[in-house]
């Protein structure tokens, strides 16, 4: 079984400058993703896809490989994760390297553990083509508002008087990784191909990091999660 871990980490982060190598409780945040992937012992190769030489150097320091730099075309604000994965797989294909399973592991995902990655791979069976970690929305999305001018409107007015406990539970992507069979996503051109399954996480172990406040919340949550272990 041949498995590849791709960690996409471009240098041009706008909202948090140098986000992918910013210090998170004492070490570059990308180090957490690299270490979790290596500790899992699942992968023939753990590689970082980057256009940035400093990120490449830090990635190698923590044990990842950078066999090629990402193209300029896939390093701007409009390049998608799918584009980056495809470019990486195309480069490996040219070297004659094919993989049965691939994990795209985000660089700002300090809550990812080797156990979570192992559990995800176990779910990639004959029926499943991809596995995504998810987390429950903390409030029913059916009761969400939209703003029109200076007034609030329900997005789904039909649920205005519904009890929260009567509404269907909904989930969102935890923003940590995608584990998949590469041919499935390439053929369907999506990171959520047919028969995508999931691993459900709790809110303590999930934090989207797009602002400085998100960063502080992530550090607090991480410290709390480590206290649980100890």
C-alpha atoms as a PDB file:
ATOM      1  CA  UNK A   1       0.000   0.000   0.000  1.00  0.00           C
ATOM      2  CA  UNK A   2       1.478   3.321  -1.087  1.00  0.00           C
ATOM      3  CA  UNK A   3       0.303   6.479   0.664  1.00  0.00           C
ATOM      4  CA  UNK A   4       1.221  10.135   0.182  1.00  0.00           C
ATOM      5  CA  UNK A   5       0.670  13.117   2.478  1.00  0.00           C
ATOM      6  CA  UNK A   6       0.545  16.535   0.789  1.00  0.00           C
ATOM      7  CA  UNK A   7       0.768  19.621   3.019  1.00  0.00           C
ATOM      8  CA  UNK A   8      -0.100  22.732   0.952  1.00  0.00           C
ATOM      9  CA  UNK A   9       1.694  25.801   2.314  1.00  0.00           C
ATOM     10  CA  UNK A  10       2.135  28.780   0.035  1.00  0.00           C
ATOM     11  CA  UNK A  11       4.027  31.830   1.206  1.00  0.00           C
ATOM     12  CA  UNK A  12       1.516  34.543   0.339  1.00  0.00           C
ATOM     13  CA  UNK A  13      -0.969  34.433   3.215  1.00  0.00           C
ATOM     14  CA  UNK A  14      -2.836  37.754   3.363  1.00  0.00           C
ATOM     15  CA  UNK A  15      -4.990  37.759   6.497  1.00  0.00           C
ATOM     16  CA  UNK A  16      -2.226  36.486   8.796  1.00  0.00           C
ATOM     17  CA  UNK A  17       1.186  37.249   7.247  1.00  0.00           C
ATOM     18  CA  UNK A  18       3.517  34.226   7.057  1.00  0.00           C
ATOM     19  CA  UNK A  19       0.702  32.234   8.657  1.00  0.00           C
ATOM     20  CA  UNK A  20       1.999  28.784   7.731  1.00  0.00           C
ATOM     21  CA  UNK A  21       5.267  29.232   9.662  1.00  0.00           C
ATOM     22  CA  UNK A  22       4.084  31.617  12.379  1.00  0.00           C
ATOM     23  CA  UNK A  23       4.998  30.437  15.872  1.00  0.00           C
ATOM     24  CA  UNK A  24       2.194  28.500  17.545  1.00  0.00           C
ATOM     25  CA  UNK A  25       3.022  27.921  21.213  1.00  0.00           C
ATOM     26  CA  UNK A  26       6.725  27.778  20.533  1.00  0.00           C
ATOM     27  CA  UNK A  27       7.173  26.235  17.096  1.00  0.00           C
ATOM     28  CA  UNK A  28       6.043  26.896  13.514  1.00  0.00           C
ATOM     29  CA  UNK A  29       2.433  25.872  13.147  1.00  0.00           C
ATOM     30  CA  UNK A  30       3.223  23.733  10.097  1.00  0.00           C
ATOM     31  CA  UNK A  31       5.420  21.566  12.331  1.00  0.00           C
ATOM     32  CA  UNK A  32       2.344  20.140  14.063  1.00  0.00           C
ATOM     33  CA  UNK A  33       0.937  18.826  10.787  1.00  0.00           C
ATOM     34  CA  UNK A  34       4.287  17.395   9.683  1.00  0.00           C
ATOM     35  CA  UNK A  35       4.850  15.675  13.015  1.00  0.00           C
ATOM     36  CA  UNK A  36       1.350  14.169  13.119  1.00  0.00           C
ATOM     37  CA  UNK A  37       1.793  12.759   9.608  1.00  0.00           C
ATOM     38  CA  UNK A  38       5.221  11.307  10.384  1.00  0.00           C
ATOM     39  CA  UNK A  39       4.103   9.889  13.729  1.00  0.00           C
ATOM     40  CA  UNK A  40       1.223   8.040  12.077  1.00  0.00           C
ATOM     41  CA  UNK A  41       3.678   5.907  10.038  1.00  0.00           C
ATOM     42  CA  UNK A  42       1.034   5.779   7.301  1.00  0.00           C
ATOM     43  CA  UNK A  43       2.894   7.538   4.527  1.00  0.00           C
ATOM     44  CA  UNK A  44       5.631   6.575   2.117  1.00  0.00           C
ATOM     45  CA  UNK A  45       6.248  10.293   1.740  1.00  0.00           C
ATOM     46  CA  UNK A  46       5.208  13.417   3.634  1.00  0.00           C
ATOM     47  CA  UNK A  47       5.724  16.384   1.329  1.00  0.00           C
ATOM     48  CA  UNK A  48       5.082  20.110   1.516  1.00  0.00           C
ATOM     49  CA  UNK A  49       3.828  21.897  -1.578  1.00  0.00           C
ATOM     50  CA  UNK A  50       5.126  25.455  -1.404  1.00  0.00           C
ATOM     51  CA  UNK A  51       6.414  28.287  -3.539  1.00  0.00           C
ATOM     52  CA  UNK A  52       8.409  29.719  -0.623  1.00  0.00           C
ATOM     53  CA  UNK A  53      12.037  28.816   0.131  1.00  0.00           C
ATOM     54  CA  UNK A  54      11.783  29.687   3.834  1.00  0.00           C
ATOM     55  CA  UNK A  55       8.722  27.456   4.254  1.00  0.00           C
ATOM     56  CA  UNK A  56      10.555  24.713   2.345  1.00  0.00           C
ATOM     57  CA  UNK A  57      13.556  24.993   4.669  1.00  0.00           C
ATOM     58  CA  UNK A  58      11.398  24.785   7.807  1.00  0.00           C
ATOM     59  CA  UNK A  59       9.438  21.862   6.371  1.00  0.00           C
ATOM     60  CA  UNK A  60      12.638  19.902   5.744  1.00  0.00           C
ATOM     61  CA  UNK A  61      13.893  20.768   9.242  1.00  0.00           C
ATOM     62  CA  UNK A  62      10.835  19.067  10.748  1.00  0.00           C
ATOM     63  CA  UNK A  63      11.135  15.974   8.582  1.00  0.00           C
ATOM     64  CA  UNK A  64       9.026  16.628   5.481  1.00  0.00           C
ATOM     65  CA  UNK A  65      10.236  16.540   1.889  1.00  0.00           C
ATOM     66  CA  UNK A  66      10.005  19.295  -0.703  1.00  0.00           C
ATOM     67  CA  UNK A  67      10.769  17.450  -3.944  1.00  0.00           C
ATOM     68  CA  UNK A  68       9.683  20.396  -6.100  1.00  0.00           C
ATOM     69  CA  UNK A  69       8.477  23.956  -5.649  1.00  0.00           C
ATOM     70  CA  UNK A  70       4.910  24.840  -6.473  1.00  0.00           C
ATOM     71  CA  UNK A  71       4.279  26.646  -9.737  1.00  0.00           C
ATOM     72  CA  UNK A  72       3.547  30.365  -9.812  1.00  0.00           C
ATOM     73  CA  UNK A  73       0.180  29.564 -11.403  1.00  0.00           C
ATOM     74  CA  UNK A  74      -0.931  27.615  -8.331  1.00  0.00           C
ATOM     75  CA  UNK A  75       0.517  30.032  -5.764  1.00  0.00           C
ATOM     76  CA  UNK A  76      -1.845  32.978  -6.120  1.00  0.00           C
ATOM     77  CA  UNK A  77      -5.054  33.800  -4.236  1.00  0.00           C
ATOM     78  CA  UNK A  78      -7.218  32.013  -6.798  1.00  0.00           C
ATOM     79  CA  UNK A  79      -5.548  28.602  -6.809  1.00  0.00           C
ATOM     80  CA  UNK A  80      -7.678  25.938  -5.138  1.00  0.00           C
ATOM     81  CA  UNK A  81      -6.626  23.046  -2.938  1.00  0.00           C
ATOM     82  CA  UNK A  82      -7.681  20.727  -5.746  1.00  0.00           C
ATOM     83  CA  UNK A  83      -5.344  22.556  -8.166  1.00  0.00           C
ATOM     84  CA  UNK A  84      -2.426  22.126  -5.754  1.00  0.00           C
ATOM     85  CA  UNK A  85      -3.124  18.425  -5.220  1.00  0.00           C
ATOM     86  CA  UNK A  86      -3.412  17.783  -8.939  1.00  0.00           C
ATOM     87  CA  UNK A  87      -0.143  19.577  -9.634  1.00  0.00           C
ATOM     88  CA  UNK A  88       1.630  17.534  -6.951  1.00  0.00           C
ATOM     89  CA  UNK A  89       0.236  14.234  -8.230  1.00  0.00           C
ATOM     90  CA  UNK A  90       1.125  15.162 -11.816  1.00  0.00           C
ATOM     91  CA  UNK A  91       4.719  15.824 -10.750  1.00  0.00           C
ATOM     92  CA  UNK A  92       4.926  12.475  -8.996  1.00  0.00           C
ATOM     93  CA  UNK A  93       3.373  10.725 -11.996  1.00  0.00           C
ATOM     94  CA  UNK A  94       6.135  12.121 -14.190  1.00  0.00           C
ATOM     95  CA  UNK A  95       8.603  10.474 -11.807  1.00  0.00           C
ATOM     96  CA  UNK A  96       6.731   7.188 -12.136  1.00  0.00           C
ATOM     97  CA  UNK A  97       5.316   7.361  -8.608  1.00  0.00           C
ATOM     98  CA  UNK A  98       1.674   6.393  -8.069  1.00  0.00           C
ATOM     99  CA  UNK A  99      -0.195   6.312  -4.761  1.00  0.00           C
ATOM    100  CA  UNK A 100      -3.158   4.263  -3.603  1.00  0.00           C
ATOM    101  CA  UNK A 101      -4.257   6.800  -0.984  1.00  0.00           C
ATOM    102  CA  UNK A 102      -3.490  10.493  -0.537  1.00  0.00           C
ATOM    103  CA  UNK A 103      -4.023  12.792   2.425  1.00  0.00           C
ATOM    104  CA  UNK A 104      -4.117  16.548   1.909  1.00  0.00           C
ATOM    105  CA  UNK A 105      -3.240  17.835   5.378  1.00  0.00           C
ATOM    106  CA  UNK A 106      -3.512  21.551   6.007  1.00  0.00           C
ATOM    107  CA  UNK A 107      -0.489  23.350   7.495  1.00  0.00           C
ATOM    108  CA  UNK A 108      -2.515  25.262  10.097  1.00  0.00           C
ATOM    109  CA  UNK A 109      -4.112  22.243  11.752  1.00  0.00           C
ATOM    110  CA  UNK A 110      -2.393  21.764  15.119  1.00  0.00           C
ATOM    111  CA  UNK A 111      -5.267  19.652  16.433  1.00  0.00           C
ATOM    112  CA  UNK A 112      -4.667  16.857  13.916  1.00  0.00           C
ATOM    113  CA  UNK A 113      -3.342  13.679  15.545  1.00  0.00           C
ATOM    114  CA  UNK A 114      -1.760  10.540  14.191  1.00  0.00           C
ATOM    115  CA  UNK A 115      -4.713   8.607  15.658  1.00  0.00           C
ATOM    116  CA  UNK A 116      -7.190  10.683  13.646  1.00  0.00           C
ATOM    117  CA  UNK A 117      -5.224  10.040  10.461  1.00  0.00           C
ATOM    118  CA  UNK A 118      -5.099   6.291  11.155  1.00  0.00           C
ATOM    119  CA  UNK A 119      -8.841   6.206  11.775  1.00  0.00           C
ATOM    120  CA  UNK A 120      -9.462   8.066   8.542  1.00  0.00           C
ATOM    121  CA  UNK A 121      -7.442   5.585   6.512  1.00  0.00           C
ATOM    122  CA  UNK A 122      -9.387   2.715   8.065  1.00  0.00           C
ATOM    123  CA  UNK A 123     -12.568   4.276   6.694  1.00  0.00           C
ATOM    124  CA  UNK A 124     -11.222   4.273   3.139  1.00  0.00           C
ATOM    125  CA  UNK A 125     -12.627   0.859   2.269  1.00  0.00           C
ATOM    126  CA  UNK A 126     -14.071  -0.620  -0.931  1.00  0.00           C
ATOM    127  CA  UNK A 127     -17.167   1.604  -0.728  1.00  0.00           C
ATOM    128  CA  UNK A 128     -15.659   4.875   0.531  1.00  0.00           C
ATOM    129  CA  UNK A 129     -13.678   7.171  -1.754  1.00  0.00           C
ATOM    130  CA  UNK A 130     -12.828   9.954   0.697  1.00  0.00           C
ATOM    131  CA  UNK A 131     -12.880  10.833   4.408  1.00  0.00           C
ATOM    132  CA  UNK A 132     -13.360  14.342   5.815  1.00  0.00           C
ATOM    133  CA  UNK A 133     -13.248  15.407   9.498  1.00  0.00           C
ATOM    134  CA  UNK A 134     -16.401  17.353  10.382  1.00  0.00           C
ATOM    135  CA  UNK A 135     -17.776  19.231  13.380  1.00  0.00           C
ATOM    136  CA  UNK A 136     -21.344  20.039  14.353  1.00  0.00           C
ATOM    137  CA  UNK A 137     -22.583  23.620  13.957  1.00  0.00           C
ATOM    138  CA  UNK A 138     -23.052  24.945  17.492  1.00  0.00           C
ATOM    139  CA  UNK A 139     -26.313  26.691  16.542  1.00  0.00           C
ATOM    140  CA  UNK A 140     -29.017  25.525  14.114  1.00  0.00           C
ATOM    141  CA  UNK A 141     -28.215  26.966  10.676  1.00  0.00           C
ATOM    142  CA  UNK A 142     -31.933  26.875   9.882  1.00  0.00           C
ATOM    143  CA  UNK A 143     -32.340  29.853  12.270  1.00  0.00           C
ATOM    144  CA  UNK A 144     -29.631  31.949  10.609  1.00  0.00           C
ATOM    145  CA  UNK A 145     -30.097  35.647   9.784  1.00  0.00           C
ATOM    146  CA  UNK A 146     -29.130  37.705   6.771  1.00  0.00           C
ATOM    147  CA  UNK A 147     -28.766  41.494   6.744  1.00  0.00           C
ATOM    148  CA  UNK A 148     -30.778  43.544   4.293  1.00  0.00           C
ATOM    149  CA  UNK A 149     -29.898  47.219   4.637  1.00  0.00           C
ATOM    150  CA  UNK A 150     -30.186  47.890   8.374  1.00  0.00           C
ATOM    151  CA  UNK A 151     -32.639  45.078   9.104  1.00  0.00           C
ATOM    152  CA  UNK A 152     -32.438  41.402   9.896  1.00  0.00           C
ATOM    153  CA  UNK A 153     -34.240  38.711   7.932  1.00  0.00           C
ATOM    154  CA  UNK A 154     -34.407  34.985   8.451  1.00  0.00           C
ATOM    155  CA  UNK A 155     -32.682  33.062   5.675  1.00  0.00           C
ATOM    156  CA  UNK A 156     -35.201  30.264   6.251  1.00  0.00           C
ATOM    157  CA  UNK A 157     -38.342  31.992   7.572  1.00  0.00           C
ATOM    158  CA  UNK A 158     -40.223  28.677   7.589  1.00  0.00           C
ATOM    159  CA  UNK A 159     -38.175  27.672  10.656  1.00  0.00           C
ATOM    160  CA  UNK A 160     -38.768  30.887  12.644  1.00  0.00           C
ATOM    161  CA  UNK A 161     -41.014  29.187  15.199  1.00  0.00           C
ATOM    162  CA  UNK A 162     -39.369  25.773  15.175  1.00  0.00           C
ATOM    163  CA  UNK A 163     -37.791  24.479  18.364  1.00  0.00           C
ATOM    164  CA  UNK A 164     -34.022  24.083  18.113  1.00  0.00           C
ATOM    165  CA  UNK A 165     -34.217  20.460  19.202  1.00  0.00           C
ATOM    166  CA  UNK A 166     -36.626  19.700  16.341  1.00  0.00           C
ATOM    167  CA  UNK A 167     -34.261  20.934  13.629  1.00  0.00           C
ATOM    168  CA  UNK A 168     -31.900  18.632  11.769  1.00  0.00           C
ATOM    169  CA  UNK A 169     -28.323  18.708  13.059  1.00  0.00           C
ATOM    170  CA  UNK A 170     -25.883  20.111  10.496  1.00  0.00           C
ATOM    171  CA  UNK A 171     -22.095  19.941  10.193  1.00  0.00           C
ATOM    172  CA  UNK A 172     -19.217  21.735   8.522  1.00  0.00           C
ATOM    173  CA  UNK A 173     -15.731  20.815   7.341  1.00  0.00           C
ATOM    174  CA  UNK A 174     -13.281  20.895  10.263  1.00  0.00           C
ATOM    175  CA  UNK A 175     -10.612  22.338   7.961  1.00  0.00           C
ATOM    176  CA  UNK A 176      -7.937  19.788   8.878  1.00  0.00           C
ATOM    177  CA  UNK A 177      -7.458  17.261   6.095  1.00  0.00           C
ATOM    178  CA  UNK A 178      -8.937  15.276   3.220  1.00  0.00           C
ATOM    179  CA  UNK A 179      -8.026  11.593   2.917  1.00  0.00           C
ATOM    180  CA  UNK A 180      -8.966  10.100  -0.443  1.00  0.00           C
ATOM    181  CA  UNK A 181      -8.367   7.726  -3.305  1.00  0.00           C
ATOM    182  CA  UNK A 182      -6.603   9.971  -5.823  1.00  0.00           C
ATOM    183  CA  UNK A 183      -8.282   8.591  -8.939  1.00  0.00           C
ATOM    184  CA  UNK A 184     -11.709   9.355  -7.449  1.00  0.00           C
ATOM    185  CA  UNK A 185     -11.029  13.075  -6.941  1.00  0.00           C
ATOM    186  CA  UNK A 186      -9.193  13.437 -10.245  1.00  0.00           C
ATOM    187  CA  UNK A 187     -11.988  11.785 -12.211  1.00  0.00           C
ATOM    188  CA  UNK A 188     -14.741  13.757 -10.467  1.00  0.00           C
ATOM    189  CA  UNK A 189     -12.698  16.985 -10.069  1.00  0.00           C
ATOM    190  CA  UNK A 190     -13.778  17.474  -6.468  1.00  0.00           C
ATOM    191  CA  UNK A 191     -12.367  16.854  -2.990  1.00  0.00           C
ATOM    192  CA  UNK A 192     -15.733  15.422  -2.000  1.00  0.00           C
ATOM    193  CA  UNK A 193     -16.298  12.597  -4.486  1.00  0.00           C
ATOM    194  CA  UNK A 194     -19.130  10.088  -4.422  1.00  0.00           C
ATOM    195  CA  UNK A 195     -19.284   8.093  -1.190  1.00  0.00           C
ATOM    196  CA  UNK A 196     -17.371  10.548   0.967  1.00  0.00           C
ATOM    197  CA  UNK A 197     -17.550   9.522   4.612  1.00  0.00           C
ATOM    198  CA  UNK A 198     -16.513  11.367   7.781  1.00  0.00           C
ATOM    199  CA  UNK A 199     -14.916  11.481  11.201  1.00  0.00           C
ATOM    200  CA  UNK A 200     -16.822  13.664  13.658  1.00  0.00           C
ATOM    201  CA  UNK A 201     -14.772  15.890  15.967  1.00  0.00           C
ATOM    202  CA  UNK A 202     -15.821  17.987  18.947  1.00  0.00           C
ATOM    203  CA  UNK A 203     -15.498  21.778  19.108  1.00  0.00           C
ATOM    204  CA  UNK A 204     -12.518  21.700  21.476  1.00  0.00           C
ATOM    205  CA  UNK A 205     -10.406  20.057  18.783  1.00  0.00           C
ATOM    206  CA  UNK A 206     -11.430  22.293  15.873  1.00  0.00           C
ATOM    207  CA  UNK A 207     -10.609  25.934  15.162  1.00  0.00           C
ATOM    208  CA  UNK A 208     -10.604  27.736  11.838  1.00  0.00           C
ATOM    209  CA  UNK A 209      -7.617  30.116  11.841  1.00  0.00           C
ATOM    210  CA  UNK A 210      -8.181  33.144   9.614  1.00  0.00           C
ATOM    211  CA  UNK A 211      -7.688  36.078  12.020  1.00  0.00           C
ATOM    212  CA  UNK A 212      -5.435  36.967  14.946  1.00  0.00           C
ATOM    213  CA  UNK A 213      -8.369  36.300  17.288  1.00  0.00           C
ATOM    214  CA  UNK A 214      -8.801  32.847  15.723  1.00  0.00           C
ATOM    215  CA  UNK A 215      -5.116  32.257  16.387  1.00  0.00           C
ATOM    216  CA  UNK A 216      -5.447  33.124  20.079  1.00  0.00           C
ATOM    217  CA  UNK A 217      -8.529  30.911  20.415  1.00  0.00           C
ATOM    218  CA  UNK A 218      -6.676  28.045  18.747  1.00  0.00           C
ATOM    219  CA  UNK A 219      -3.784  28.349  21.195  1.00  0.00           C
ATOM    220  CA  UNK A 220      -6.190  28.360  24.156  1.00  0.00           C
ATOM    221  CA  UNK A 221      -8.092  25.351  22.832  1.00  0.00           C
ATOM    222  CA  UNK A 222      -4.866  23.492  22.135  1.00  0.00           C
ATOM    223  CA  UNK A 223      -3.632  24.071  25.679  1.00  0.00           C
ATOM    224  CA  UNK A 224      -6.962  22.862  27.064  1.00  0.00           C
ATOM    225  CA  UNK A 225      -6.856  19.768  24.880  1.00  0.00           C
ATOM    226  CA  UNK A 226      -3.335  18.991  26.090  1.00  0.00           C
ATOM    227  CA  UNK A 227      -4.489  19.372  29.694  1.00  0.00           C
ATOM    228  CA  UNK A 228      -7.122  16.717  28.972  1.00  0.00           C
ATOM    229  CA  UNK A 229      -4.394  14.299  27.899  1.00  0.00           C
ATOM    230  CA  UNK A 230      -2.167  15.018  30.879  1.00  0.00           C
END
